[in-house]
């Protein structure tokens, strides 16, 4: 799995800064599913805990997604390849894109690598847990909102 970053800014920054930016961007891929449960948790808290302040409900709703983002950010440096792996990726990208090596930076990892963190490890330790946790929380909170609404609606119409 390879990410290719283009643009002049990556060459004006020190290597640690461009690596940090790449890690931050790669972490944001997780946001697609990690923020899914927060609105439903917030809705459920609004229905069941109206005495709590909005700030407290927001903190409760977004605490788990933020924790999962921190976990993802901690694992993303594994996408920073060693120098020899980076050279291998650069030669493949150069052949594929036919571009100048001074036009891009390459980040990535092998799909399977017994000696280093690989894509399968990434899926097992990062993507799958955060995806399952996010959608499990979403499902539970959605059910709780539905249950609370149905009970309220049924009781008021009897």
N, C-alpha and C. Protein backbone atom coordinates (compact mmCIF):
# COMPACT_ATOMS: atom_id res chain seq x y z
N UNK A 1 0.86 -1.15 0.00
CA UNK A 1 0.00 0.00 0.00
C UNK A 1 0.91 1.22 0.00
N UNK A 2 0.68 2.12 -0.93
CA UNK A 2 1.55 3.29 -1.10
C UNK A 2 0.71 4.55 -1.20
N UNK A 3 1.14 5.60 -0.50
CA UNK A 3 0.56 6.93 -0.63
C UNK A 3 1.62 7.81 -1.27
N UNK A 4 1.21 8.56 -2.27
CA UNK A 4 2.13 9.46 -2.96
C UNK A 4 1.66 10.89 -2.72
N UNK A 5 2.57 11.72 -2.21
CA UNK A 5 2.25 13.12 -1.96
C UNK A 5 3.01 13.98 -2.96
N UNK A 6 2.26 14.81 -3.68
CA UNK A 6 2.84 15.72 -4.66
C UNK A 6 2.78 17.15 -4.13
N UNK A 7 3.58 18.01 -4.69
CA UNK A 7 3.51 19.42 -4.38
C UNK A 7 4.84 19.97 -3.91
N UNK A 8 5.04 21.26 -4.16
CA UNK A 8 6.33 21.86 -3.82
C UNK A 8 6.53 22.03 -2.32
N UNK A 9 5.46 22.12 -1.55
CA UNK A 9 5.59 22.36 -0.12
C UNK A 9 6.34 21.24 0.58
N UNK A 10 6.14 20.00 0.15
CA UNK A 10 6.79 18.88 0.83
C UNK A 10 8.31 18.94 0.74
N UNK A 11 8.85 19.65 -0.22
CA UNK A 11 10.31 19.72 -0.37
C UNK A 11 10.91 20.92 0.35
N UNK A 12 10.09 21.90 0.71
CA UNK A 12 10.60 23.06 1.45
C UNK A 12 10.60 22.83 2.94
N UNK A 13 9.85 21.84 3.39
CA UNK A 13 9.78 21.53 4.83
C UNK A 13 10.86 20.54 5.21
N UNK A 14 11.29 20.54 6.46
CA UNK A 14 12.20 19.50 6.90
C UNK A 14 11.49 18.14 6.83
N UNK A 15 12.27 17.08 6.74
CA UNK A 15 11.69 15.74 6.59
C UNK A 15 10.72 15.41 7.70
N UNK A 16 11.05 15.74 8.96
CA UNK A 16 10.15 15.43 10.08
C UNK A 16 8.82 16.15 9.94
N UNK A 17 8.82 17.38 9.39
CA UNK A 17 7.57 18.14 9.24
C UNK A 17 6.71 17.54 8.14
N UNK A 18 7.32 17.18 7.01
CA UNK A 18 6.52 16.58 5.93
C UNK A 18 6.02 15.20 6.35
N UNK A 19 6.82 14.47 7.14
CA UNK A 19 6.35 13.18 7.67
C UNK A 19 5.17 13.38 8.61
N UNK A 20 5.24 14.40 9.46
CA UNK A 20 4.15 14.68 10.39
C UNK A 20 2.87 15.03 9.63
N UNK A 21 2.99 15.84 8.60
CA UNK A 21 1.81 16.22 7.80
C UNK A 21 1.23 14.99 7.11
N UNK A 22 2.08 14.14 6.57
CA UNK A 22 1.60 12.91 5.92
C UNK A 22 0.87 12.02 6.91
N UNK A 23 1.42 11.86 8.10
CA UNK A 23 0.78 11.04 9.14
C UNK A 23 -0.58 11.65 9.52
N UNK A 24 -0.63 12.97 9.65
CA UNK A 24 -1.89 13.64 10.00
C UNK A 24 -2.94 13.42 8.91
N UNK A 25 -2.55 13.55 7.64
CA UNK A 25 -3.50 13.33 6.55
C UNK A 25 -3.96 11.87 6.50
N UNK A 26 -3.05 10.94 6.69
CA UNK A 26 -3.43 9.53 6.65
C UNK A 26 -4.34 9.17 7.82
N UNK A 27 -4.16 9.83 8.95
CA UNK A 27 -5.03 9.59 10.10
C UNK A 27 -6.46 10.03 9.79
N UNK A 28 -6.61 11.06 9.01
CA UNK A 28 -7.96 11.58 8.72
C UNK A 28 -8.80 10.63 7.87
N UNK A 29 -8.19 9.64 7.25
CA UNK A 29 -8.96 8.64 6.50
C UNK A 29 -9.92 7.93 7.44
N UNK A 30 -9.51 7.72 8.68
CA UNK A 30 -10.33 7.04 9.67
C UNK A 30 -11.56 7.84 10.06
N UNK A 31 -11.50 9.14 9.90
CA UNK A 31 -12.60 10.00 10.32
C UNK A 31 -13.90 9.61 9.64
N UNK A 32 -13.82 9.00 8.47
CA UNK A 32 -15.02 8.59 7.74
C UNK A 32 -15.95 7.74 8.60
N UNK A 33 -15.39 6.82 9.36
CA UNK A 33 -16.24 5.96 10.17
C UNK A 33 -16.13 6.25 11.67
N UNK A 34 -15.08 6.89 12.11
CA UNK A 34 -14.92 7.10 13.54
C UNK A 34 -15.84 8.17 14.11
N UNK A 35 -16.26 9.10 13.29
CA UNK A 35 -17.17 10.14 13.78
C UNK A 35 -18.64 9.76 13.62
N UNK A 36 -18.93 8.64 13.00
CA UNK A 36 -20.31 8.21 12.77
C UNK A 36 -21.13 8.10 14.05
N UNK A 37 -20.62 7.50 15.13
CA UNK A 37 -21.48 7.33 16.30
C UNK A 37 -21.76 8.62 17.09
N UNK A 38 -20.94 9.63 16.96
CA UNK A 38 -21.07 10.81 17.80
C UNK A 38 -22.44 11.49 17.71
N UNK A 39 -23.00 11.75 16.52
CA UNK A 39 -24.32 12.39 16.47
C UNK A 39 -25.43 11.55 17.10
N UNK A 40 -25.37 10.23 16.94
CA UNK A 40 -26.41 9.41 17.54
C UNK A 40 -26.26 9.35 19.06
N UNK A 41 -25.03 9.34 19.55
CA UNK A 41 -24.81 9.40 21.00
C UNK A 41 -25.33 10.74 21.53
N UNK A 42 -25.05 11.80 20.81
CA UNK A 42 -25.50 13.13 21.22
C UNK A 42 -27.03 13.20 21.24
N UNK A 43 -27.67 12.60 20.25
CA UNK A 43 -29.13 12.59 20.22
C UNK A 43 -29.69 11.78 21.40
N UNK A 44 -29.10 10.64 21.66
CA UNK A 44 -29.55 9.80 22.78
C UNK A 44 -29.36 10.54 24.11
N UNK A 45 -28.20 11.19 24.27
CA UNK A 45 -27.96 11.94 25.50
C UNK A 45 -28.94 13.11 25.64
N UNK A 46 -29.29 13.73 24.53
CA UNK A 46 -30.26 14.83 24.59
C UNK A 46 -31.63 14.34 25.03
N UNK A 47 -32.00 13.14 24.62
CA UNK A 47 -33.29 12.58 25.01
C UNK A 47 -33.31 12.08 26.45
N UNK A 48 -32.18 11.54 26.91
CA UNK A 48 -32.16 10.90 28.23
C UNK A 48 -31.50 11.73 29.32
N UNK A 49 -30.66 12.65 28.96
CA UNK A 49 -29.89 13.41 29.96
C UNK A 49 -29.97 14.90 29.70
N UNK A 50 -31.18 15.40 29.58
CA UNK A 50 -31.33 16.82 29.26
C UNK A 50 -30.82 17.72 30.38
N UNK A 51 -30.68 17.17 31.61
CA UNK A 51 -30.16 17.98 32.72
C UNK A 51 -28.67 18.26 32.58
N UNK A 52 -27.97 17.47 31.79
CA UNK A 52 -26.54 17.71 31.56
C UNK A 52 -26.37 18.87 30.58
N UNK A 53 -25.30 19.59 30.75
CA UNK A 53 -25.04 20.73 29.85
C UNK A 53 -24.69 20.23 28.46
N UNK A 54 -24.88 21.09 27.49
CA UNK A 54 -24.55 20.73 26.10
C UNK A 54 -23.07 20.40 25.97
N UNK A 55 -22.23 21.14 26.65
CA UNK A 55 -20.78 20.89 26.61
C UNK A 55 -20.47 19.49 27.12
N UNK A 56 -21.07 19.10 28.22
CA UNK A 56 -20.82 17.77 28.79
C UNK A 56 -21.32 16.68 27.83
N UNK A 57 -22.48 16.89 27.24
CA UNK A 57 -23.00 15.90 26.28
C UNK A 57 -22.08 15.80 25.05
N UNK A 58 -21.56 16.93 24.60
CA UNK A 58 -20.64 16.91 23.45
C UNK A 58 -19.35 16.15 23.82
N UNK A 59 -18.86 16.38 25.02
CA UNK A 59 -17.64 15.67 25.46
C UNK A 59 -17.90 14.18 25.50
N UNK A 60 -19.04 13.76 26.07
CA UNK A 60 -19.37 12.34 26.12
C UNK A 60 -19.52 11.75 24.72
N UNK A 61 -20.17 12.49 23.83
CA UNK A 61 -20.43 11.97 22.48
C UNK A 61 -19.15 11.83 21.66
N UNK A 62 -18.22 12.76 21.82
CA UNK A 62 -17.02 12.76 20.98
C UNK A 62 -15.79 12.16 21.65
N UNK A 63 -15.89 11.72 22.89
CA UNK A 63 -14.73 11.18 23.60
C UNK A 63 -14.20 9.91 22.93
N UNK A 64 -15.08 8.99 22.59
CA UNK A 64 -14.64 7.73 21.97
C UNK A 64 -14.07 7.98 20.56
N UNK A 65 -14.76 8.76 19.69
CA UNK A 65 -14.14 9.04 18.39
C UNK A 65 -12.78 9.73 18.50
N UNK A 66 -12.63 10.64 19.44
CA UNK A 66 -11.33 11.31 19.61
C UNK A 66 -10.28 10.31 20.09
N UNK A 67 -10.65 9.43 21.02
CA UNK A 67 -9.71 8.41 21.49
C UNK A 67 -9.28 7.50 20.34
N UNK A 68 -10.23 7.14 19.46
CA UNK A 68 -9.87 6.29 18.31
C UNK A 68 -8.99 7.05 17.32
N UNK A 69 -9.19 8.35 17.19
CA UNK A 69 -8.31 9.15 16.33
C UNK A 69 -6.90 9.20 16.89
N UNK A 70 -6.79 9.33 18.19
CA UNK A 70 -5.46 9.33 18.82
C UNK A 70 -4.77 7.99 18.60
N UNK A 71 -5.52 6.90 18.75
CA UNK A 71 -4.96 5.56 18.50
C UNK A 71 -4.48 5.45 17.05
N UNK A 72 -5.31 5.91 16.10
CA UNK A 72 -4.93 5.86 14.69
C UNK A 72 -3.67 6.70 14.44
N UNK A 73 -3.61 7.88 15.04
CA UNK A 73 -2.45 8.75 14.86
C UNK A 73 -1.19 8.08 15.40
N UNK A 74 -1.34 7.32 16.49
CA UNK A 74 -0.19 6.63 17.07
C UNK A 74 0.31 5.51 16.16
N UNK A 75 -0.59 4.89 15.40
CA UNK A 75 -0.19 3.80 14.51
C UNK A 75 0.28 4.27 13.13
N UNK A 76 -0.11 5.45 12.71
CA UNK A 76 0.23 5.93 11.37
C UNK A 76 1.72 6.08 11.09
N UNK A 77 2.57 6.35 12.07
CA UNK A 77 4.00 6.41 11.75
C UNK A 77 4.53 5.11 11.15
N UNK A 78 3.80 4.03 11.28
CA UNK A 78 4.21 2.78 10.62
C UNK A 78 4.15 2.90 9.10
N UNK A 79 3.46 3.92 8.60
CA UNK A 79 3.43 4.18 7.16
C UNK A 79 4.71 4.86 6.68
N UNK A 80 5.54 5.29 7.60
CA UNK A 80 6.80 5.92 7.20
C UNK A 80 7.79 4.79 6.88
N UNK A 81 8.08 4.59 5.61
CA UNK A 81 8.92 3.45 5.25
C UNK A 81 10.38 3.68 5.58
N UNK A 82 11.09 2.58 5.71
CA UNK A 82 12.54 2.67 5.87
C UNK A 82 13.13 3.24 4.58
N UNK A 83 14.37 3.65 4.63
CA UNK A 83 15.00 4.26 3.44
C UNK A 83 15.01 3.30 2.25
N UNK A 84 15.33 2.01 2.50
CA UNK A 84 15.38 1.06 1.38
C UNK A 84 13.99 0.78 0.82
N UNK A 85 12.98 0.71 1.68
CA UNK A 85 11.61 0.50 1.20
C UNK A 85 11.12 1.74 0.45
N UNK A 86 11.48 2.91 0.95
CA UNK A 86 11.10 4.16 0.27
C UNK A 86 11.71 4.21 -1.14
N UNK A 87 12.98 3.79 -1.27
CA UNK A 87 13.62 3.79 -2.59
C UNK A 87 12.92 2.80 -3.53
N UNK A 88 12.52 1.66 -2.99
CA UNK A 88 11.80 0.67 -3.79
C UNK A 88 10.46 1.24 -4.26
N UNK A 89 9.73 1.87 -3.34
CA UNK A 89 8.45 2.48 -3.71
C UNK A 89 8.64 3.60 -4.72
N UNK A 90 9.68 4.42 -4.52
CA UNK A 90 9.93 5.54 -5.44
C UNK A 90 10.21 5.05 -6.85
N UNK A 91 10.98 3.98 -6.98
CA UNK A 91 11.27 3.47 -8.33
C UNK A 91 10.00 2.94 -8.99
N UNK A 92 9.12 2.31 -8.22
CA UNK A 92 7.86 1.81 -8.79
C UNK A 92 6.95 2.96 -9.18
N UNK A 93 6.85 3.98 -8.32
CA UNK A 93 6.01 5.13 -8.63
C UNK A 93 6.59 5.88 -9.83
N UNK A 94 7.91 6.00 -9.89
CA UNK A 94 8.56 6.67 -11.01
C UNK A 94 8.23 5.96 -12.33
N UNK A 95 8.32 4.63 -12.32
CA UNK A 95 7.99 3.87 -13.53
C UNK A 95 6.51 3.99 -13.88
N UNK A 96 5.65 3.95 -12.88
CA UNK A 96 4.21 4.00 -13.12
C UNK A 96 3.75 5.37 -13.59
N UNK A 97 4.22 6.43 -12.93
CA UNK A 97 3.77 7.78 -13.24
C UNK A 97 4.65 8.48 -14.28
N UNK A 98 5.85 8.01 -14.45
CA UNK A 98 6.77 8.64 -15.39
C UNK A 98 7.10 10.07 -15.02
N UNK A 99 7.24 10.33 -13.76
CA UNK A 99 7.49 11.68 -13.29
C UNK A 99 8.88 11.80 -12.69
N UNK A 100 9.24 12.99 -12.33
CA UNK A 100 10.54 13.27 -11.74
C UNK A 100 10.51 12.93 -10.25
N UNK A 101 11.55 12.33 -9.72
CA UNK A 101 11.59 11.96 -8.31
C UNK A 101 11.54 13.16 -7.39
N UNK A 102 11.83 14.35 -7.89
CA UNK A 102 11.77 15.54 -7.05
C UNK A 102 10.36 16.13 -6.99
N UNK A 103 9.38 15.45 -7.60
CA UNK A 103 8.00 15.94 -7.60
C UNK A 103 7.13 15.32 -6.51
N UNK A 104 7.60 14.31 -5.81
CA UNK A 104 6.73 13.62 -4.86
C UNK A 104 7.51 12.97 -3.73
N UNK A 105 6.78 12.68 -2.66
CA UNK A 105 7.28 11.86 -1.55
C UNK A 105 6.40 10.63 -1.48
N UNK A 106 6.97 9.51 -1.10
CA UNK A 106 6.24 8.25 -1.05
C UNK A 106 6.20 7.74 0.39
N UNK A 107 5.01 7.30 0.79
CA UNK A 107 4.81 6.69 2.10
C UNK A 107 4.07 5.39 1.88
N UNK A 108 4.31 4.41 2.72
CA UNK A 108 3.56 3.18 2.57
C UNK A 108 4.18 2.03 3.33
N UNK A 109 3.55 0.87 3.15
CA UNK A 109 4.02 -0.36 3.79
C UNK A 109 3.69 -1.52 2.88
N UNK A 110 4.39 -2.61 3.10
CA UNK A 110 4.13 -3.82 2.32
C UNK A 110 2.83 -4.46 2.80
N UNK A 111 2.19 -5.20 1.91
CA UNK A 111 0.98 -5.90 2.29
C UNK A 111 1.29 -6.97 3.32
N UNK A 112 2.33 -7.75 3.08
CA UNK A 112 2.75 -8.76 4.04
C UNK A 112 4.25 -8.63 4.25
N UNK A 113 4.64 -8.52 5.51
CA UNK A 113 6.05 -8.39 5.84
C UNK A 113 6.25 -8.98 7.24
N UNK A 114 6.97 -10.07 7.33
CA UNK A 114 7.14 -10.76 8.62
C UNK A 114 8.01 -9.97 9.59
N UNK A 115 8.84 -9.08 9.09
CA UNK A 115 9.79 -8.37 9.95
C UNK A 115 9.32 -6.98 10.38
N UNK A 116 8.30 -6.43 9.71
CA UNK A 116 7.86 -5.07 10.01
C UNK A 116 6.34 -5.03 10.08
N UNK A 117 5.82 -3.92 10.61
CA UNK A 117 4.38 -3.66 10.63
C UNK A 117 3.91 -3.61 9.18
N UNK A 118 2.92 -4.41 8.83
CA UNK A 118 2.46 -4.44 7.45
C UNK A 118 0.98 -4.08 7.36
N UNK A 119 0.44 -4.14 6.17
CA UNK A 119 -0.95 -3.76 5.93
C UNK A 119 -1.92 -4.66 6.67
N UNK A 120 -1.62 -5.92 6.77
CA UNK A 120 -2.50 -6.85 7.50
C UNK A 120 -2.51 -6.49 8.99
N UNK A 121 -1.35 -6.19 9.56
CA UNK A 121 -1.30 -5.73 10.95
C UNK A 121 -2.11 -4.45 11.12
N UNK A 122 -1.96 -3.54 10.17
CA UNK A 122 -2.70 -2.28 10.19
C UNK A 122 -4.20 -2.53 10.21
N UNK A 123 -4.66 -3.46 9.38
CA UNK A 123 -6.09 -3.78 9.34
C UNK A 123 -6.55 -4.42 10.65
N UNK A 124 -5.76 -5.33 11.18
CA UNK A 124 -6.15 -6.07 12.40
C UNK A 124 -6.11 -5.18 13.64
N UNK A 125 -5.09 -4.35 13.77
CA UNK A 125 -4.91 -3.57 14.99
C UNK A 125 -5.50 -2.17 14.94
N UNK A 126 -5.86 -1.69 13.76
CA UNK A 126 -6.35 -0.31 13.67
C UNK A 126 -7.71 -0.23 12.98
N UNK A 127 -7.78 -0.60 11.74
CA UNK A 127 -8.99 -0.38 10.95
C UNK A 127 -10.17 -1.19 11.49
N UNK A 128 -10.01 -2.49 11.61
CA UNK A 128 -11.13 -3.33 12.06
C UNK A 128 -11.63 -2.98 13.45
N UNK A 129 -10.76 -2.84 14.45
CA UNK A 129 -11.29 -2.48 15.77
C UNK A 129 -12.04 -1.15 15.78
N UNK A 130 -11.46 -0.13 15.17
CA UNK A 130 -12.13 1.17 15.21
C UNK A 130 -13.43 1.15 14.40
N UNK A 131 -13.45 0.42 13.31
CA UNK A 131 -14.66 0.32 12.50
C UNK A 131 -15.75 -0.43 13.27
N UNK A 132 -15.40 -1.55 13.87
CA UNK A 132 -16.37 -2.35 14.63
C UNK A 132 -16.87 -1.56 15.84
N UNK A 133 -15.97 -0.93 16.58
CA UNK A 133 -16.37 -0.14 17.75
C UNK A 133 -17.28 1.01 17.33
N UNK A 134 -16.92 1.72 16.27
CA UNK A 134 -17.73 2.86 15.82
C UNK A 134 -19.15 2.43 15.46
N UNK A 135 -19.26 1.39 14.66
CA UNK A 135 -20.60 1.00 14.22
C UNK A 135 -21.37 0.26 15.30
N UNK A 136 -20.70 -0.40 16.23
CA UNK A 136 -21.40 -1.01 17.36
C UNK A 136 -21.99 0.08 18.25
N UNK A 137 -21.21 1.11 18.53
CA UNK A 137 -21.72 2.23 19.33
C UNK A 137 -22.86 2.92 18.60
N UNK A 138 -22.71 3.10 17.29
CA UNK A 138 -23.78 3.71 16.50
C UNK A 138 -25.05 2.89 16.59
N UNK A 139 -24.93 1.56 16.43
CA UNK A 139 -26.10 0.68 16.49
C UNK A 139 -26.77 0.71 17.85
N UNK A 140 -25.98 0.64 18.91
CA UNK A 140 -26.55 0.66 20.26
C UNK A 140 -27.24 1.99 20.54
N UNK A 141 -26.57 3.09 20.21
CA UNK A 141 -27.18 4.39 20.49
C UNK A 141 -28.40 4.63 19.60
N UNK A 142 -28.36 4.15 18.36
CA UNK A 142 -29.52 4.28 17.49
C UNK A 142 -30.70 3.50 18.07
N UNK A 143 -30.44 2.29 18.57
CA UNK A 143 -31.50 1.49 19.19
C UNK A 143 -32.05 2.19 20.43
N UNK A 144 -31.16 2.79 21.23
CA UNK A 144 -31.60 3.48 22.43
C UNK A 144 -32.46 4.71 22.09
N UNK A 145 -32.06 5.44 21.06
CA UNK A 145 -32.86 6.59 20.62
C UNK A 145 -34.22 6.10 20.14
N UNK A 146 -34.22 5.07 19.35
CA UNK A 146 -35.47 4.51 18.83
C UNK A 146 -36.36 4.04 19.98
N UNK A 147 -35.79 3.32 20.94
CA UNK A 147 -36.55 2.81 22.08
C UNK A 147 -37.13 3.96 22.91
N UNK A 148 -36.32 4.95 23.17
CA UNK A 148 -36.77 6.10 23.96
C UNK A 148 -37.87 6.84 23.23
N UNK A 149 -37.72 7.05 21.93
CA UNK A 149 -38.72 7.76 21.15
C UNK A 149 -40.01 6.95 21.08
N UNK A 150 -39.90 5.67 20.81
CA UNK A 150 -41.09 4.83 20.70
C UNK A 150 -41.84 4.76 22.03
N UNK A 151 -41.13 4.59 23.13
CA UNK A 151 -41.79 4.55 24.44
C UNK A 151 -42.49 5.87 24.73
N UNK A 152 -41.82 6.96 24.45
CA UNK A 152 -42.40 8.28 24.68
C UNK A 152 -43.62 8.49 23.78
N UNK A 153 -43.48 8.14 22.52
CA UNK A 153 -44.56 8.33 21.57
C UNK A 153 -45.75 7.44 21.91
N UNK A 154 -45.51 6.16 22.23
CA UNK A 154 -46.59 5.23 22.54
C UNK A 154 -47.30 5.63 23.83
N UNK A 155 -46.54 6.03 24.83
CA UNK A 155 -47.14 6.41 26.10
C UNK A 155 -47.98 7.68 25.98
N UNK A 156 -47.57 8.60 25.16
CA UNK A 156 -48.32 9.86 25.01
C UNK A 156 -49.56 9.71 24.15
N UNK A 157 -49.66 8.62 23.39
CA UNK A 157 -50.82 8.42 22.52
C UNK A 157 -51.76 7.33 23.02
N UNK A 158 -51.60 6.88 24.24
CA UNK A 158 -52.52 5.87 24.79
C UNK A 158 -53.68 6.49 25.48
